[in-house]
Amino acid sequence: MCNVPDFMTSEVAGHTVALILALARKLHQILPSTRSGEWTWSKLRPIAGLDSRTAGIIGFGNIGRQVAKRLSVFGMKIVAYDPYIPAENIQRLGAIPTTLEQLLTSSDIVSIHVPLTSETRHLIGKKELAMMKKSSILVNTSRGRAIDQDALFSSLREKQIGAAGLDVLTKEPPEPGDPILTLDNVIITPHIGWYSEQSSSRLQEHAALEAERILTGQTPRHPVNPHWRKVPKRLAATHPRSRD
């Protein structure tokens, strides 16, 4: 069994930054205001620029690194928390290694990029949300259960943090009455961060190539089971490409 882990890295990173920019510039509030006939900026104050602010990346894998690279273009200071990556590697990639607590207390933007494991389930809960700045923006494009959604709803409703951008939720799709859908300081997208026409094509192509490698007796690039067994030669020989 194989997976295709690298087909949508750029798309998810781009979607993450899109959510950050939209929330930082309050586009989710500007659009309905303008459509209703208002033409004013003062009601949206304060809007803070990104230059010299701090972005905290939780999970510094391929996507987290791409998000950091994009945000650094805006002049942001990048801090990162990833217990599985040596501090010197994080530094070499242009970020400042830090603890989760330090990241949460110091960051203006917090972006989550972790797989869902027993360690990351509810990684961000009531305690962690209370550490964040009242003006901070939390973005999650990884897995919904990395955040305690009930705690997040309460934090956003009480304005304990500034805003959130969520491409993933605890339950997808959410129930129509899910209270998080009613908040005006949240942007929610339907788990679309992975998608572009290009990424969709890459997914199909890379999956087919992995199947071909297995059927021709080659080693797949991304086996899920490290103890996978090669296809018997008698089966591999029946694949047309095995005779090329």
Protein backbone atom coordinates (compact mmCIF):
# COMPACT_ATOMS: atom_id res chain seq x y z
CA MET A 1 0.00 0.00 0.00
CA CYS A 2 1.37 3.42 -0.98
CA ASN A 3 0.46 7.06 -0.65
CA VAL A 4 1.26 10.21 -2.64
CA PRO A 5 2.47 12.75 -0.06
CA ASP A 6 3.87 15.49 -2.28
CA PHE A 7 1.20 16.23 -4.85
CA MET A 8 -0.36 19.25 -3.11
CA THR A 9 2.38 20.87 -1.01
CA SER A 10 2.33 24.14 -2.94
CA GLU A 11 -1.47 24.32 -2.98
CA VAL A 12 -1.90 23.86 0.78
CA ALA A 13 0.86 26.38 1.50
CA GLY A 14 -0.76 28.87 -0.85
CA HIS A 15 -4.21 28.33 0.67
CA THR A 16 -2.78 28.82 4.15
CA VAL A 17 -1.27 32.15 3.18
CA ALA A 18 -4.51 33.16 1.43
CA LEU A 19 -6.42 32.60 4.68
CA ILE A 20 -3.82 34.56 6.64
CA LEU A 21 -3.95 37.52 4.24
CA ALA A 22 -7.75 37.52 4.09
CA LEU A 23 -8.05 37.52 7.89
CA ALA A 24 -5.27 40.03 8.45
CA ARG A 25 -6.87 42.45 5.96
CA LYS A 26 -10.40 41.57 7.22
CA LEU A 27 -11.66 40.77 3.74
CA HIS A 28 -14.39 38.57 5.23
CA GLN A 29 -15.84 41.71 6.86
CA ILE A 30 -15.10 44.13 4.05
CA LEU A 31 -16.96 42.15 1.38
CA PRO A 32 -20.44 42.10 3.00
CA SER A 33 -19.97 45.70 4.15
CA THR A 34 -19.21 46.91 0.64
CA ARG A 35 -22.01 44.86 -0.89
CA SER A 36 -24.47 46.41 1.54
CA GLY A 37 -23.60 49.86 0.19
CA GLU A 38 -21.08 51.00 2.79
CA TRP A 39 -17.88 52.61 1.58
CA THR A 40 -15.74 53.07 4.64
CA TRP A 41 -12.59 51.69 6.17
CA SER A 42 -12.75 53.21 9.64
CA LYS A 43 -15.28 50.67 10.98
CA LEU A 44 -12.73 47.94 10.30
CA ARG A 45 -10.03 49.41 12.49
CA PRO A 46 -7.60 48.22 13.62
CA ILE A 47 -5.89 46.47 10.71
CA ALA A 48 -2.24 45.69 11.37
CA GLY A 49 0.32 45.13 8.65
CA LEU A 50 2.30 41.90 8.47
CA ASP A 51 5.71 43.52 8.27
CA SER A 52 7.83 42.81 11.39
CA ARG A 53 5.10 40.67 12.97
CA THR A 54 5.74 37.09 14.09
CA ALA A 55 4.41 33.97 12.39
CA GLY A 56 4.54 30.71 14.34
CA ILE A 57 4.61 27.49 12.34
CA ILE A 58 3.57 24.35 14.22
CA GLY A 59 4.96 21.40 12.27
CA PHE A 60 7.93 22.26 10.09
CA GLY A 61 7.61 19.63 7.39
CA ASN A 62 7.33 20.31 3.67
CA ILE A 63 4.13 22.36 3.89
CA GLY A 64 5.15 24.25 7.01
CA ARG A 65 8.44 25.20 5.37
CA GLN A 66 6.68 26.44 2.25
CA VAL A 67 4.33 28.56 4.36
CA ALA A 68 7.31 30.01 6.22
CA LYS A 69 9.05 30.81 2.94
CA ARG A 70 6.01 32.64 1.61
CA LEU A 71 5.37 34.61 4.81
CA SER A 72 9.00 35.69 5.07
CA VAL A 73 8.49 37.61 1.82
CA PHE A 74 6.12 39.89 3.75
CA GLY A 75 8.89 40.71 6.20
CA MET A 76 7.57 38.47 8.94
CA LYS A 77 9.72 36.91 11.65
CA ILE A 78 9.32 33.13 11.49
CA VAL A 79 9.41 30.88 14.56
CA ALA A 80 8.79 27.15 14.37
CA TYR A 81 7.94 24.27 16.69
CA ASP A 82 8.60 20.71 15.61
CA PRO A 83 9.93 18.20 18.17
CA TYR A 84 11.03 15.83 15.40
CA ILE A 85 13.32 18.25 13.56
CA PRO A 86 16.69 19.25 15.06
CA ALA A 87 16.94 22.92 16.02
CA GLU A 88 19.92 23.44 13.72
CA ASN A 89 17.89 22.21 10.75
CA ILE A 90 15.09 24.66 11.53
CA GLN A 91 17.62 27.47 11.80
CA ARG A 92 19.23 26.47 8.51
CA LEU A 93 15.82 26.76 6.86
CA GLY A 94 15.43 30.36 8.04
CA ALA A 95 13.22 29.97 11.12
CA ILE A 96 13.85 30.31 14.83
CA PRO A 97 13.28 27.04 16.75
CA THR A 98 11.15 27.43 19.84
CA THR A 99 8.86 25.60 22.24
CA LEU A 100 5.12 25.35 21.68
CA GLU A 101 4.41 27.63 24.64
CA GLN A 102 6.86 30.29 23.45
CA LEU A 103 5.43 30.11 19.94
CA LEU A 104 1.86 30.59 21.14
CA THR A 105 2.68 33.52 23.43
CA SER A 106 4.87 35.38 20.92
CA SER A 107 3.14 34.84 17.56
CA ASP A 108 0.70 37.14 15.80
CA ILE A 109 -0.09 34.37 13.31
CA VAL A 110 -0.18 30.68 14.31
CA SER A 111 -0.36 28.14 11.49
CA ILE A 112 -0.79 24.40 12.10
CA HIS A 113 0.80 21.78 9.81
CA VAL A 114 0.80 18.44 11.65
CA PRO A 115 -0.45 14.92 10.91
CA LEU A 116 -3.17 13.57 13.18
CA THR A 117 -1.62 11.28 15.79
CA SER A 118 -2.21 10.54 19.45
CA GLU A 119 0.30 13.32 20.20
CA THR A 120 -1.31 15.96 18.00
CA ARG A 121 -4.98 15.28 18.75
CA HIS A 122 -6.24 18.45 20.48
CA LEU A 123 -2.70 19.83 20.39
CA ILE A 124 -4.39 23.22 20.59
CA GLY A 125 -6.98 23.30 23.36
CA LYS A 126 -8.32 25.65 25.98
CA LYS A 127 -4.96 25.97 27.74
CA GLU A 128 -3.05 26.69 24.54
CA LEU A 129 -5.62 29.16 23.22
CA ALA A 130 -5.40 31.10 26.49
CA MET A 131 -1.68 31.61 25.85
CA MET A 132 -2.24 33.36 22.53
CA LYS A 133 -2.46 37.10 21.97
CA LYS A 134 -5.94 38.60 21.86
CA SER A 135 -5.17 39.91 18.37
CA SER A 136 -3.68 36.66 17.06
CA ILE A 137 -4.88 34.72 14.03
CA LEU A 138 -5.01 30.90 14.12
CA VAL A 139 -4.99 28.97 10.84
CA ASN A 140 -5.42 25.21 10.42
CA THR A 141 -5.04 23.51 7.05
CA SER A 142 -3.83 20.16 8.43
CA ARG A 143 -6.35 18.07 10.42
CA GLY A 144 -9.45 19.29 12.19
CA ARG A 145 -8.91 17.28 15.36
CA ALA A 146 -5.53 18.94 15.94
CA ILE A 147 -7.68 21.67 17.55
CA ASP A 148 -10.28 21.24 20.29
CA GLN A 149 -13.07 22.83 18.26
CA ASP A 150 -15.33 23.49 21.24
CA ALA A 151 -12.53 25.35 22.99
CA LEU A 152 -11.78 27.27 19.80
CA PHE A 153 -15.41 28.30 19.42
CA SER A 154 -15.49 29.64 22.97
CA SER A 155 -12.21 31.48 22.49
CA LEU A 156 -13.39 33.13 19.27
CA ARG A 157 -16.82 33.98 20.65
CA GLU A 158 -15.30 35.63 23.70
CA LYS A 159 -12.70 37.42 21.53
CA GLN A 160 -9.87 35.77 23.43
CA ILE A 161 -8.09 35.48 20.09
CA GLY A 162 -8.62 37.65 17.06
CA ALA A 163 -9.70 35.30 14.27
CA ALA A 164 -9.33 31.86 12.76
CA GLY A 165 -9.01 30.42 9.27
CA LEU A 166 -10.06 26.77 9.03
CA ASP A 167 -9.87 24.50 6.00
CA VAL A 168 -10.53 21.49 8.23
CA LEU A 169 -13.03 20.81 11.00
CA THR A 170 -13.62 18.10 13.59
CA LYS A 171 -16.56 16.85 11.52
CA GLU A 172 -16.68 17.29 7.76
CA PRO A 173 -19.03 18.43 6.49
CA PRO A 174 -20.19 20.19 9.65
CA GLU A 175 -23.73 19.94 10.91
CA PRO A 176 -25.88 22.85 9.60
CA GLY A 177 -26.29 24.11 13.17
CA ASP A 178 -22.64 23.93 14.12
CA PRO A 179 -22.10 27.14 16.13
CA ILE A 180 -18.67 27.80 14.66
CA LEU A 181 -20.40 28.59 11.36
CA THR A 182 -22.12 31.57 12.98
CA LEU A 183 -19.00 33.49 14.01
CA ASP A 184 -17.99 36.61 12.12
CA ASN A 185 -14.29 36.30 12.97
CA VAL A 186 -13.80 32.97 11.19
CA ILE A 187 -13.21 32.00 7.57
CA ILE A 188 -14.10 28.35 6.89
CA THR A 189 -13.33 26.62 3.59
CA PRO A 190 -14.46 23.07 2.65
CA HIS A 191 -11.14 21.18 2.89
CA ILE A 192 -10.15 22.64 -0.45
CA GLY A 193 -6.56 23.58 0.36
CA TRP A 194 -5.16 20.56 -1.49
CA TYR A 195 -6.94 21.29 -4.75
CA SER A 196 -5.88 22.83 -8.02
CA GLU A 197 -6.20 21.41 -11.51
CA GLN A 198 -2.46 20.76 -11.43
CA SER A 199 -2.47 18.97 -8.06
CA SER A 200 -5.43 16.84 -9.10
CA SER A 201 -3.52 15.70 -12.19
CA ARG A 202 -0.35 15.07 -10.15
CA LEU A 203 -2.30 12.91 -7.69
CA GLN A 204 -3.58 10.64 -10.45
CA GLU A 205 -0.27 10.51 -12.28
CA HIS A 206 1.87 9.79 -9.20
CA ALA A 207 -0.55 7.13 -7.95
CA ALA A 208 -0.44 5.41 -11.33
CA LEU A 209 3.36 5.52 -11.37
CA GLU A 210 3.51 3.91 -7.93
CA ALA A 211 1.22 1.12 -9.14
CA GLU A 212 3.45 0.64 -12.18
CA ARG A 213 6.59 0.40 -10.02
CA ILE A 214 5.01 -2.32 -7.91
CA LEU A 215 3.69 -4.27 -10.89
CA THR A 216 7.09 -4.20 -12.59
CA GLY A 217 8.93 -5.38 -9.49
CA GLN A 218 10.43 -2.01 -8.61
CA THR A 219 10.56 -0.37 -5.18
CA PRO A 220 7.71 2.15 -4.67
CA ARG A 221 8.77 5.61 -3.58
CA HIS A 222 6.23 6.00 -0.78
CA PRO A 223 5.17 2.63 0.71
CA VAL A 224 2.91 2.96 3.74
CA ASN A 225 3.96 -0.48 5.00
CA PRO A 226 7.76 -0.57 5.37
CA HIS A 227 7.62 -4.37 5.20
CA TRP A 228 5.89 -4.46 1.84
CA ARG A 229 6.53 -7.46 -0.35
CA LYS A 230 7.46 -7.18 -3.99
CA VAL A 231 5.04 -8.48 -6.60
CA PRO A 232 6.05 -12.01 -7.61
CA LYS A 233 8.06 -12.09 -10.83
CA ARG A 234 5.42 -14.21 -12.53
CA LEU A 235 2.91 -11.35 -12.06
CA ALA A 236 5.35 -8.54 -12.77
CA ALA A 237 6.26 -10.23 -16.06
CA THR A 238 2.68 -9.87 -17.27
CA HIS A 239 2.88 -6.04 -17.09
CA PRO A 240 3.50 -4.64 -20.62
CA ARG A 241 6.27 -2.29 -19.42
CA SER A 242 8.21 -5.23 -17.88
CA ARG A 243 9.05 -6.38 -21.41
CA ASP A 244 10.37 -2.99 -22.63
